[in-house]
Amino acid sequence: MTRLARLAETMPTPAERAGRAEWAQAALRAWNGYAPTAAGQSELDDELDARWIGGRPARCPAGALVTA
């Protein structure tokens, strides 16, 4: 089996990713009340998309530069 094939086997399906996202949001909501509005969620999604596409470095809440 090629390295790429082994990697592909470890990739979660879209349904698995959605389930993990729902679980993470529920855990955050229970822990600290995290409950973004639809507009807030869309803004976060857009920011993540821009980071994936543009390779822009992330900034943590304190403003310090975080490199991935």
N, C-alpha and C. Protein backbone atom coordinates (compact mmCIF):
# COMPACT_ATOMS: atom_id res chain seq x y z
N MET A 1 0.85 -1.17 0.00
CA MET A 1 0.00 0.00 0.00
C MET A 1 0.90 1.24 0.00
N THR A 2 0.54 2.20 -0.81
CA THR A 2 1.35 3.41 -0.91
C THR A 2 1.10 4.32 0.30
N ARG A 3 2.02 5.22 0.48
CA ARG A 3 1.90 6.16 1.59
C ARG A 3 0.63 7.01 1.44
N LEU A 4 0.33 7.41 0.23
CA LEU A 4 -0.86 8.22 -0.01
C LEU A 4 -2.12 7.43 0.31
N ALA A 5 -2.16 6.16 -0.04
CA ALA A 5 -3.33 5.33 0.26
C ALA A 5 -3.50 5.17 1.76
N ARG A 6 -2.39 4.99 2.49
CA ARG A 6 -2.48 4.87 3.96
C ARG A 6 -2.99 6.18 4.56
N LEU A 7 -2.52 7.29 4.04
CA LEU A 7 -2.98 8.58 4.52
C LEU A 7 -4.47 8.76 4.26
N ALA A 8 -4.92 8.37 3.09
CA ALA A 8 -6.33 8.51 2.73
C ALA A 8 -7.22 7.70 3.67
N GLU A 9 -6.74 6.56 4.13
CA GLU A 9 -7.53 5.74 5.04
C GLU A 9 -7.71 6.41 6.40
N THR A 10 -6.81 7.29 6.77
CA THR A 10 -6.90 7.95 8.07
C THR A 10 -7.73 9.23 8.03
N MET A 11 -8.09 9.68 6.84
CA MET A 11 -8.86 10.92 6.71
C MET A 11 -10.32 10.68 7.10
N PRO A 12 -10.87 11.53 7.96
CA PRO A 12 -12.28 11.36 8.32
C PRO A 12 -13.19 11.76 7.16
N THR A 13 -14.33 11.13 7.11
CA THR A 13 -15.32 11.45 6.08
C THR A 13 -15.98 12.79 6.44
N PRO A 14 -16.68 13.40 5.48
CA PRO A 14 -17.39 14.65 5.82
C PRO A 14 -18.37 14.46 6.98
N ALA A 15 -19.04 13.32 7.03
CA ALA A 15 -19.98 13.06 8.13
C ALA A 15 -19.24 12.95 9.46
N GLU A 16 -18.07 12.30 9.46
CA GLU A 16 -17.27 12.20 10.68
C GLU A 16 -16.78 13.57 11.13
N ARG A 17 -16.35 14.39 10.18
CA ARG A 17 -15.90 15.75 10.53
C ARG A 17 -17.05 16.57 11.10
N ALA A 18 -18.24 16.45 10.52
CA ALA A 18 -19.40 17.18 11.03
C ALA A 18 -19.74 16.72 12.44
N GLY A 19 -19.67 15.42 12.67
CA GLY A 19 -19.93 14.89 14.01
C GLY A 19 -18.94 15.40 15.03
N ARG A 20 -17.69 15.45 14.65
CA ARG A 20 -16.65 15.97 15.56
C ARG A 20 -16.88 17.45 15.84
N ALA A 21 -17.28 18.20 14.83
CA ALA A 21 -17.54 19.63 15.01
C ALA A 21 -18.71 19.84 15.96
N GLU A 22 -19.77 19.06 15.80
CA GLU A 22 -20.93 19.17 16.69
C GLU A 22 -20.53 18.82 18.12
N TRP A 23 -19.73 17.77 18.28
CA TRP A 23 -19.28 17.36 19.60
C TRP A 23 -18.44 18.46 20.24
N ALA A 24 -17.54 19.05 19.47
CA ALA A 24 -16.67 20.11 19.99
C ALA A 24 -17.49 21.33 20.39
N GLN A 25 -18.47 21.71 19.58
CA GLN A 25 -19.30 22.86 19.93
C GLN A 25 -20.11 22.60 21.19
N ALA A 26 -20.63 21.38 21.34
CA ALA A 26 -21.39 21.04 22.54
C ALA A 26 -20.48 21.07 23.77
N ALA A 27 -19.26 20.57 23.64
CA ALA A 27 -18.33 20.59 24.76
C ALA A 27 -17.97 22.02 25.14
N LEU A 28 -17.71 22.87 24.15
CA LEU A 28 -17.39 24.28 24.43
C LEU A 28 -18.58 25.01 25.05
N ARG A 29 -19.77 24.71 24.55
CA ARG A 29 -20.97 25.35 25.08
C ARG A 29 -21.14 24.97 26.56
N ALA A 30 -20.94 23.70 26.89
CA ALA A 30 -21.07 23.24 28.28
C ALA A 30 -19.97 23.81 29.16
N TRP A 31 -18.79 23.97 28.61
CA TRP A 31 -17.64 24.42 29.39
C TRP A 31 -17.66 25.92 29.65
N ASN A 32 -17.89 26.72 28.59
CA ASN A 32 -17.78 28.16 28.77
C ASN A 32 -18.90 28.97 28.11
N GLY A 33 -19.98 28.31 27.71
CA GLY A 33 -21.10 29.02 27.13
C GLY A 33 -20.92 29.42 25.68
N TYR A 34 -19.94 28.83 24.99
CA TYR A 34 -19.67 29.14 23.58
C TYR A 34 -20.92 28.88 22.76
N ALA A 35 -21.44 29.91 22.14
CA ALA A 35 -22.63 29.78 21.31
C ALA A 35 -22.64 30.90 20.27
N PRO A 36 -21.83 30.76 19.21
CA PRO A 36 -21.79 31.84 18.21
C PRO A 36 -23.12 31.93 17.45
N THR A 37 -23.44 33.14 17.05
CA THR A 37 -24.61 33.33 16.20
C THR A 37 -24.29 32.77 14.81
N ALA A 38 -25.29 32.68 13.97
CA ALA A 38 -25.04 32.20 12.60
C ALA A 38 -24.07 33.14 11.88
N ALA A 39 -24.22 34.44 12.12
CA ALA A 39 -23.31 35.41 11.49
C ALA A 39 -21.90 35.25 12.04
N GLY A 40 -21.79 35.04 13.34
CA GLY A 40 -20.48 34.84 13.95
C GLY A 40 -19.81 33.57 13.45
N GLN A 41 -20.59 32.50 13.30
CA GLN A 41 -20.05 31.25 12.79
C GLN A 41 -19.58 31.42 11.35
N SER A 42 -20.36 32.15 10.56
CA SER A 42 -19.98 32.40 9.17
C SER A 42 -18.69 33.21 9.10
N GLU A 43 -18.55 34.19 9.99
CA GLU A 43 -17.33 35.00 10.02
C GLU A 43 -16.12 34.13 10.37
N LEU A 44 -16.29 33.25 11.35
CA LEU A 44 -15.20 32.34 11.72
C LEU A 44 -14.85 31.40 10.56
N ASP A 45 -15.87 30.88 9.89
CA ASP A 45 -15.63 30.00 8.74
C ASP A 45 -14.88 30.73 7.64
N ASP A 46 -15.28 31.98 7.37
CA ASP A 46 -14.60 32.77 6.34
C ASP A 46 -13.13 33.01 6.71
N GLU A 47 -12.88 33.29 7.99
CA GLU A 47 -11.51 33.52 8.42
C GLU A 47 -10.66 32.26 8.26
N LEU A 48 -11.23 31.11 8.64
CA LEU A 48 -10.49 29.85 8.47
C LEU A 48 -10.23 29.55 7.00
N ASP A 49 -11.24 29.79 6.16
CA ASP A 49 -11.05 29.58 4.71
C ASP A 49 -9.93 30.46 4.18
N ALA A 50 -9.90 31.72 4.61
CA ALA A 50 -8.86 32.64 4.15
C ALA A 50 -7.49 32.16 4.60
N ARG A 51 -7.40 31.63 5.80
CA ARG A 51 -6.12 31.12 6.29
C ARG A 51 -5.66 29.92 5.48
N TRP A 52 -6.59 29.04 5.14
CA TRP A 52 -6.23 27.87 4.35
C TRP A 52 -5.76 28.28 2.96
N ILE A 53 -6.47 29.21 2.37
CA ILE A 53 -6.16 29.61 1.00
C ILE A 53 -4.92 30.49 0.94
N GLY A 54 -4.84 31.47 1.83
CA GLY A 54 -3.77 32.45 1.74
C GLY A 54 -2.55 32.16 2.59
N GLY A 55 -2.63 31.18 3.46
CA GLY A 55 -1.50 30.89 4.32
C GLY A 55 -1.20 32.00 5.30
N ARG A 56 -2.21 32.78 5.63
CA ARG A 56 -2.07 33.90 6.55
C ARG A 56 -1.82 33.38 7.96
N PRO A 57 -0.88 33.95 8.71
CA PRO A 57 -0.66 33.49 10.09
C PRO A 57 -1.85 33.83 10.98
N ALA A 58 -2.10 33.00 11.96
CA ALA A 58 -3.19 33.22 12.89
C ALA A 58 -2.75 34.17 14.00
N ARG A 59 -3.69 34.84 14.59
CA ARG A 59 -3.40 35.68 15.76
C ARG A 59 -4.23 35.15 16.93
N CYS A 60 -3.58 34.96 18.04
CA CYS A 60 -4.30 34.51 19.23
C CYS A 60 -5.06 35.69 19.82
N PRO A 61 -6.00 35.46 20.75
CA PRO A 61 -6.79 36.55 21.29
C PRO A 61 -5.95 37.67 21.92
N ALA A 62 -4.79 37.34 22.46
CA ALA A 62 -3.96 38.36 23.09
C ALA A 62 -3.23 39.21 22.05
N GLY A 63 -3.32 38.83 20.77
CA GLY A 63 -2.69 39.59 19.72
C GLY A 63 -1.29 39.10 19.34
N ALA A 64 -0.78 38.12 20.06
CA ALA A 64 0.55 37.59 19.74
C ALA A 64 0.46 36.75 18.47
N LEU A 65 1.47 36.82 17.67
CA LEU A 65 1.49 36.07 16.42
C LEU A 65 1.68 34.59 16.70
N VAL A 66 0.85 33.78 16.08
CA VAL A 66 0.93 32.32 16.21
C VAL A 66 1.22 31.76 14.84
N THR A 67 2.23 30.94 14.72
CA THR A 67 2.51 30.33 13.43
C THR A 67 2.10 28.88 13.47
N ALA A 68 1.55 28.42 12.39
CA ALA A 68 1.07 27.04 12.33
C ALA A 68 2.11 26.14 11.73
